[in-house]
Amino acid sequence: MSSSPDAVWRRCAHLGRVVLPLIDQEPGRQARRHDKLRTWGIDPGVGERLLETFAALAAHAALSGAASPAAGTAPLSAVAAAVTGKRDIELLAGLPERFTDDRDQQAVSLYACKGGRFSRMLFQLSRELRRTLTALADRSPTPSPTCADLMRQADDAGLPD
């Protein structure tokens, strides 16, 4: 796989898009998340898009220090740790100048312009995503699963690219 910055981002964005559908294979998981988002005053559609973006940013940040930054090599535990352990500047560093998917550009821009009540919302979403990634890692048949393992599970489940 190519390890150009754009290719790495595309793989990280793909990871972000499969995280929620994978966890939602557990009955009732999506309904509980939607209830939680509404309780926090977050529209479920907006909240889920931000969770996808957080997952992509965290995977990208987890790879930033890697010698060979192929998107599949990051352990899920490192991505989960990056969600709550990296500063904003670390999550936003090294992103492509242009995104091939306008939704990625919009969500990253929304994340980058945070402040006030939005900061609290991002904190809540980051905790939710960390729990989600930890749950996916815990139920993985592979010990110490990587992002590639998660993407293989998505392919096996027939989730769209």
C-alpha atoms as a PDB file:
ATOM      1  CA  MET A   1       0.000   0.000   0.000  1.00  0.00           C
ATOM      2  CA  SER A   2       1.187   3.502  -0.794  1.00  0.00           C
ATOM      3  CA  SER A   3       2.186   5.519   2.243  1.00  0.00           C
ATOM      4  CA  SER A   4       1.768   8.971   0.694  1.00  0.00           C
ATOM      5  CA  PRO A   5       0.104  11.430   3.091  1.00  0.00           C
ATOM      6  CA  ASP A   6      -3.078  11.430   1.010  1.00  0.00           C
ATOM      7  CA  ALA A   7      -3.218   7.637   0.882  1.00  0.00           C
ATOM      8  CA  VAL A   8      -2.663   7.388   4.632  1.00  0.00           C
ATOM      9  CA  TRP A   9      -5.439   9.909   5.289  1.00  0.00           C
ATOM     10  CA  ARG A  10      -7.847   8.031   2.971  1.00  0.00           C
ATOM     11  CA  ARG A  11      -7.214   4.794   4.904  1.00  0.00           C
ATOM     12  CA  CYS A  12      -7.659   6.603   8.222  1.00  0.00           C
ATOM     13  CA  ALA A  13     -10.902   8.175   6.954  1.00  0.00           C
ATOM     14  CA  HIS A  14     -12.080   4.727   5.869  1.00  0.00           C
ATOM     15  CA  LEU A  15     -11.336   3.430   9.351  1.00  0.00           C
ATOM     16  CA  GLY A  16     -13.372   6.283  10.807  1.00  0.00           C
ATOM     17  CA  ARG A  17     -16.336   5.358   8.618  1.00  0.00           C
ATOM     18  CA  VAL A  18     -16.377   1.684   9.668  1.00  0.00           C
ATOM     19  CA  VAL A  19     -15.956   2.053  13.445  1.00  0.00           C
ATOM     20  CA  LEU A  20     -19.604   2.817  14.234  1.00  0.00           C
ATOM     21  CA  PRO A  21     -21.142   0.247  11.856  1.00  0.00           C
ATOM     22  CA  LEU A  22     -18.870  -2.403  13.384  1.00  0.00           C
ATOM     23  CA  ILE A  23     -19.819  -1.587  16.968  1.00  0.00           C
ATOM     24  CA  ASP A  24     -23.468  -1.303  15.927  1.00  0.00           C
ATOM     25  CA  GLN A  25     -23.492  -5.017  15.132  1.00  0.00           C
ATOM     26  CA  GLU A  26     -24.047  -5.362  18.875  1.00  0.00           C
ATOM     27  CA  PRO A  27     -27.828  -5.153  19.403  1.00  0.00           C
ATOM     28  CA  GLY A  28     -29.029  -1.876  20.892  1.00  0.00           C
ATOM     29  CA  ARG A  29     -25.639  -0.159  20.645  1.00  0.00           C
ATOM     30  CA  GLN A  30     -26.727   2.467  18.086  1.00  0.00           C
ATOM     31  CA  ALA A  31     -29.945   3.293  19.967  1.00  0.00           C
ATOM     32  CA  ARG A  32     -28.009   3.774  23.238  1.00  0.00           C
ATOM     33  CA  ARG A  33     -25.461   6.002  21.499  1.00  0.00           C
ATOM     34  CA  HIS A  34     -28.213   8.085  19.885  1.00  0.00           C
ATOM     35  CA  ASP A  35     -29.942   8.478  23.264  1.00  0.00           C
ATOM     36  CA  LYS A  36     -26.650   9.538  24.837  1.00  0.00           C
ATOM     37  CA  LEU A  37     -25.986  12.059  22.058  1.00  0.00           C
ATOM     38  CA  ARG A  38     -29.462  13.558  22.450  1.00  0.00           C
ATOM     39  CA  THR A  39     -28.972  13.781  26.226  1.00  0.00           C
ATOM     40  CA  TRP A  40     -25.794  15.762  25.561  1.00  0.00           C
ATOM     41  CA  GLY A  41     -27.715  18.059  23.210  1.00  0.00           C
ATOM     42  CA  ILE A  42     -25.980  16.687  20.104  1.00  0.00           C
ATOM     43  CA  ASP A  43     -27.874  15.791  16.964  1.00  0.00           C
ATOM     44  CA  PRO A  44     -27.138  12.070  16.344  1.00  0.00           C
ATOM     45  CA  GLY A  45     -26.179  12.681  12.696  1.00  0.00           C
ATOM     46  CA  VAL A  46     -23.723  15.429  13.614  1.00  0.00           C
ATOM     47  CA  GLY A  47     -22.391  13.440  16.565  1.00  0.00           C
ATOM     48  CA  GLU A  48     -21.784  10.338  14.485  1.00  0.00           C
ATOM     49  CA  ARG A  49     -19.994  12.311  11.762  1.00  0.00           C
ATOM     50  CA  LEU A  50     -17.765  13.885  14.417  1.00  0.00           C
ATOM     51  CA  LEU A  51     -17.083  10.446  15.924  1.00  0.00           C
ATOM     52  CA  GLU A  52     -16.014   9.234  12.457  1.00  0.00           C
ATOM     53  CA  THR A  53     -13.747  12.247  12.101  1.00  0.00           C
ATOM     54  CA  PHE A  54     -12.290  11.750  15.574  1.00  0.00           C
ATOM     55  CA  ALA A  55     -11.481   8.139  14.703  1.00  0.00           C
ATOM     56  CA  ALA A  56      -9.752   9.213  11.473  1.00  0.00           C
ATOM     57  CA  LEU A  57      -7.821  12.009  13.215  1.00  0.00           C
ATOM     58  CA  ALA A  58      -6.768   9.693  16.046  1.00  0.00           C
ATOM     59  CA  ALA A  59      -5.605   6.976  13.644  1.00  0.00           C
ATOM     60  CA  HIS A  60      -3.698   9.593  11.666  1.00  0.00           C
ATOM     61  CA  ALA A  61      -2.094  10.970  14.848  1.00  0.00           C
ATOM     62  CA  ALA A  62      -1.168   7.477  16.032  1.00  0.00           C
ATOM     63  CA  LEU A  63       0.686   6.977  12.741  1.00  0.00           C
ATOM     64  CA  SER A  64       2.447  10.339  12.696  1.00  0.00           C
ATOM     65  CA  GLY A  65       5.423   9.107  14.691  1.00  0.00           C
ATOM     66  CA  ALA A  66       5.659   5.720  12.994  1.00  0.00           C
ATOM     67  CA  ALA A  67       8.715   4.864  10.913  1.00  0.00           C
ATOM     68  CA  SER A  68       6.472   3.390   8.212  1.00  0.00           C
ATOM     69  CA  PRO A  69       3.132   5.188   8.403  1.00  0.00           C
ATOM     70  CA  ALA A  70       0.951   2.609   6.665  1.00  0.00           C
ATOM     71  CA  ALA A  71      -2.592   3.120   7.944  1.00  0.00           C
ATOM     72  CA  GLY A  72      -3.134  -0.504   8.860  1.00  0.00           C
ATOM     73  CA  THR A  73      -0.164  -0.783  11.192  1.00  0.00           C
ATOM     74  CA  ALA A  74      -1.521   1.285  14.071  1.00  0.00           C
ATOM     75  CA  PRO A  75      -2.751  -0.779  17.002  1.00  0.00           C
ATOM     76  CA  LEU A  76      -6.325   0.043  18.023  1.00  0.00           C
ATOM     77  CA  SER A  77      -5.044   0.685  21.534  1.00  0.00           C
ATOM     78  CA  ALA A  78      -2.797   3.481  20.182  1.00  0.00           C
ATOM     79  CA  VAL A  79      -5.724   5.001  18.282  1.00  0.00           C
ATOM     80  CA  ALA A  80      -7.934   4.835  21.393  1.00  0.00           C
ATOM     81  CA  ALA A  81      -5.176   6.486  23.439  1.00  0.00           C
ATOM     82  CA  ALA A  82      -4.733   9.216  20.809  1.00  0.00           C
ATOM     83  CA  VAL A  83      -8.438  10.120  20.973  1.00  0.00           C
ATOM     84  CA  THR A  84      -8.173  11.430  24.517  1.00  0.00           C
ATOM     85  CA  GLY A  85      -4.425  11.739  24.959  1.00  0.00           C
ATOM     86  CA  LYS A  86      -3.377  13.928  22.038  1.00  0.00           C
ATOM     87  CA  ARG A  87      -3.692  17.695  21.975  1.00  0.00           C
ATOM     88  CA  ASP A  88      -5.685  19.284  19.179  1.00  0.00           C
ATOM     89  CA  ILE A  89      -2.558  20.385  17.349  1.00  0.00           C
ATOM     90  CA  GLU A  90      -1.306  16.805  17.382  1.00  0.00           C
ATOM     91  CA  LEU A  91      -4.589  15.518  15.959  1.00  0.00           C
ATOM     92  CA  LEU A  92      -4.589  18.125  13.194  1.00  0.00           C
ATOM     93  CA  ALA A  93      -0.879  17.899  12.259  1.00  0.00           C
ATOM     94  CA  GLY A  94       0.086  16.473   8.901  1.00  0.00           C
ATOM     95  CA  LEU A  95      -3.364  16.369   7.330  1.00  0.00           C
ATOM     96  CA  PRO A  96      -3.667  16.665   3.556  1.00  0.00           C
ATOM     97  CA  GLU A  97      -4.054  20.182   2.165  1.00  0.00           C
ATOM     98  CA  ARG A  98      -7.105  19.019   0.222  1.00  0.00           C
ATOM     99  CA  PHE A  99      -9.491  16.217   1.035  1.00  0.00           C
ATOM    100  CA  THR A 100     -10.997  13.993  -1.644  1.00  0.00           C
ATOM    101  CA  ASP A 101     -14.227  13.784   0.369  1.00  0.00           C
ATOM    102  CA  ASP A 102     -15.820  17.160   1.158  1.00  0.00           C
ATOM    103  CA  ARG A 103     -17.408  15.648   4.282  1.00  0.00           C
ATOM    104  CA  ASP A 104     -13.917  15.094   5.713  1.00  0.00           C
ATOM    105  CA  GLN A 105     -12.972  18.715   5.025  1.00  0.00           C
ATOM    106  CA  GLN A 106     -16.164  19.989   6.651  1.00  0.00           C
ATOM    107  CA  ALA A 107     -15.849  17.790   9.729  1.00  0.00           C
ATOM    108  CA  VAL A 108     -12.157  18.575  10.250  1.00  0.00           C
ATOM    109  CA  SER A 109     -12.918  22.284   9.846  1.00  0.00           C
ATOM    110  CA  LEU A 110     -15.717  22.008  12.405  1.00  0.00           C
ATOM    111  CA  TYR A 111     -13.371  20.220  14.802  1.00  0.00           C
ATOM    112  CA  ALA A 112     -10.618  22.811  14.293  1.00  0.00           C
ATOM    113  CA  CYS A 113     -12.963  25.750  15.004  1.00  0.00           C
ATOM    114  CA  LYS A 114     -14.163  24.494  18.367  1.00  0.00           C
ATOM    115  CA  GLY A 115     -14.726  26.603  21.430  1.00  0.00           C
ATOM    116  CA  GLY A 116     -17.195  27.262  24.236  1.00  0.00           C
ATOM    117  CA  ARG A 117     -19.960  24.673  24.516  1.00  0.00           C
ATOM    118  CA  PHE A 118     -18.460  22.859  21.558  1.00  0.00           C
ATOM    119  CA  SER A 119     -15.370  22.022  23.654  1.00  0.00           C
ATOM    120  CA  ARG A 120     -17.557  20.142  26.136  1.00  0.00           C
ATOM    121  CA  MET A 121     -19.266  18.297  23.299  1.00  0.00           C
ATOM    122  CA  LEU A 122     -15.912  17.235  21.819  1.00  0.00           C
ATOM    123  CA  PHE A 123     -14.771  16.012  25.226  1.00  0.00           C
ATOM    124  CA  GLN A 124     -17.914  13.862  25.533  1.00  0.00           C
ATOM    125  CA  LEU A 125     -17.515  12.546  21.995  1.00  0.00           C
ATOM    126  CA  SER A 126     -13.852  11.702  22.555  1.00  0.00           C
ATOM    127  CA  ARG A 127     -14.729   9.636  25.624  1.00  0.00           C
ATOM    128  CA  GLU A 128     -17.483   7.857  23.685  1.00  0.00           C
ATOM    129  CA  LEU A 129     -15.116   7.047  20.826  1.00  0.00           C
ATOM    130  CA  ARG A 130     -12.449   5.759  23.203  1.00  0.00           C
ATOM    131  CA  ARG A 131     -15.025   3.419  24.774  1.00  0.00           C
ATOM    132  CA  THR A 132     -16.098   2.287  21.307  1.00  0.00           C
ATOM    133  CA  LEU A 133     -12.546   1.553  20.142  1.00  0.00           C
ATOM    134  CA  THR A 134     -11.773  -0.261  23.387  1.00  0.00           C
ATOM    135  CA  ALA A 135     -14.929  -2.390  23.010  1.00  0.00           C
ATOM    136  CA  LEU A 136     -13.983  -3.264  19.420  1.00  0.00           C
ATOM    137  CA  ALA A 137     -10.458  -4.214  20.500  1.00  0.00           C
ATOM    138  CA  ASP A 138     -11.814  -6.314  23.394  1.00  0.00           C
ATOM    139  CA  ARG A 139     -14.170  -8.291  21.171  1.00  0.00           C
ATOM    140  CA  SER A 140     -11.620  -8.804  18.400  1.00  0.00           C
ATOM    141  CA  PRO A 141     -10.515 -12.403  17.844  1.00  0.00           C
ATOM    142  CA  THR A 142      -6.983 -11.059  17.282  1.00  0.00           C
ATOM    143  CA  PRO A 143      -4.865 -10.202  20.299  1.00  0.00           C
ATOM    144  CA  SER A 144      -3.692  -6.571  20.113  1.00  0.00           C
ATOM    145  CA  PRO A 145      -5.727  -5.803  16.979  1.00  0.00           C
ATOM    146  CA  THR A 146      -4.558  -3.189  14.499  1.00  0.00           C
ATOM    147  CA  CYS A 147      -6.514  -0.832  12.281  1.00  0.00           C
ATOM    148  CA  ALA A 148      -6.025  -3.329   9.441  1.00  0.00           C
ATOM    149  CA  ASP A 149      -7.689  -6.037  11.558  1.00  0.00           C
ATOM    150  CA  LEU A 150     -10.651  -3.735  12.121  1.00  0.00           C
ATOM    151  CA  MET A 151     -10.913  -2.945   8.412  1.00  0.00           C
ATOM    152  CA  ARG A 152     -10.789  -6.682   7.619  1.00  0.00           C
ATOM    153  CA  GLN A 153     -13.674  -7.207  10.040  1.00  0.00           C
ATOM    154  CA  ALA A 154     -15.584  -4.473   8.203  1.00  0.00           C
ATOM    155  CA  ASP A 155     -14.897  -6.170   4.866  1.00  0.00           C
ATOM    156  CA  ASP A 156     -15.982  -9.540   6.300  1.00  0.00           C
ATOM    157  CA  ALA A 157     -19.194  -7.912   7.564  1.00  0.00           C
ATOM    158  CA  GLY A 158     -19.845  -6.504   4.088  1.00  0.00           C
ATOM    159  CA  LEU A 159     -19.632  -2.862   5.166  1.00  0.00           C
ATOM    160  CA  PRO A 160     -19.223  -0.385   2.301  1.00  0.00           C
ATOM    161  CA  ASP A 161     -15.801   1.090   1.507  1.00  0.00           C
END
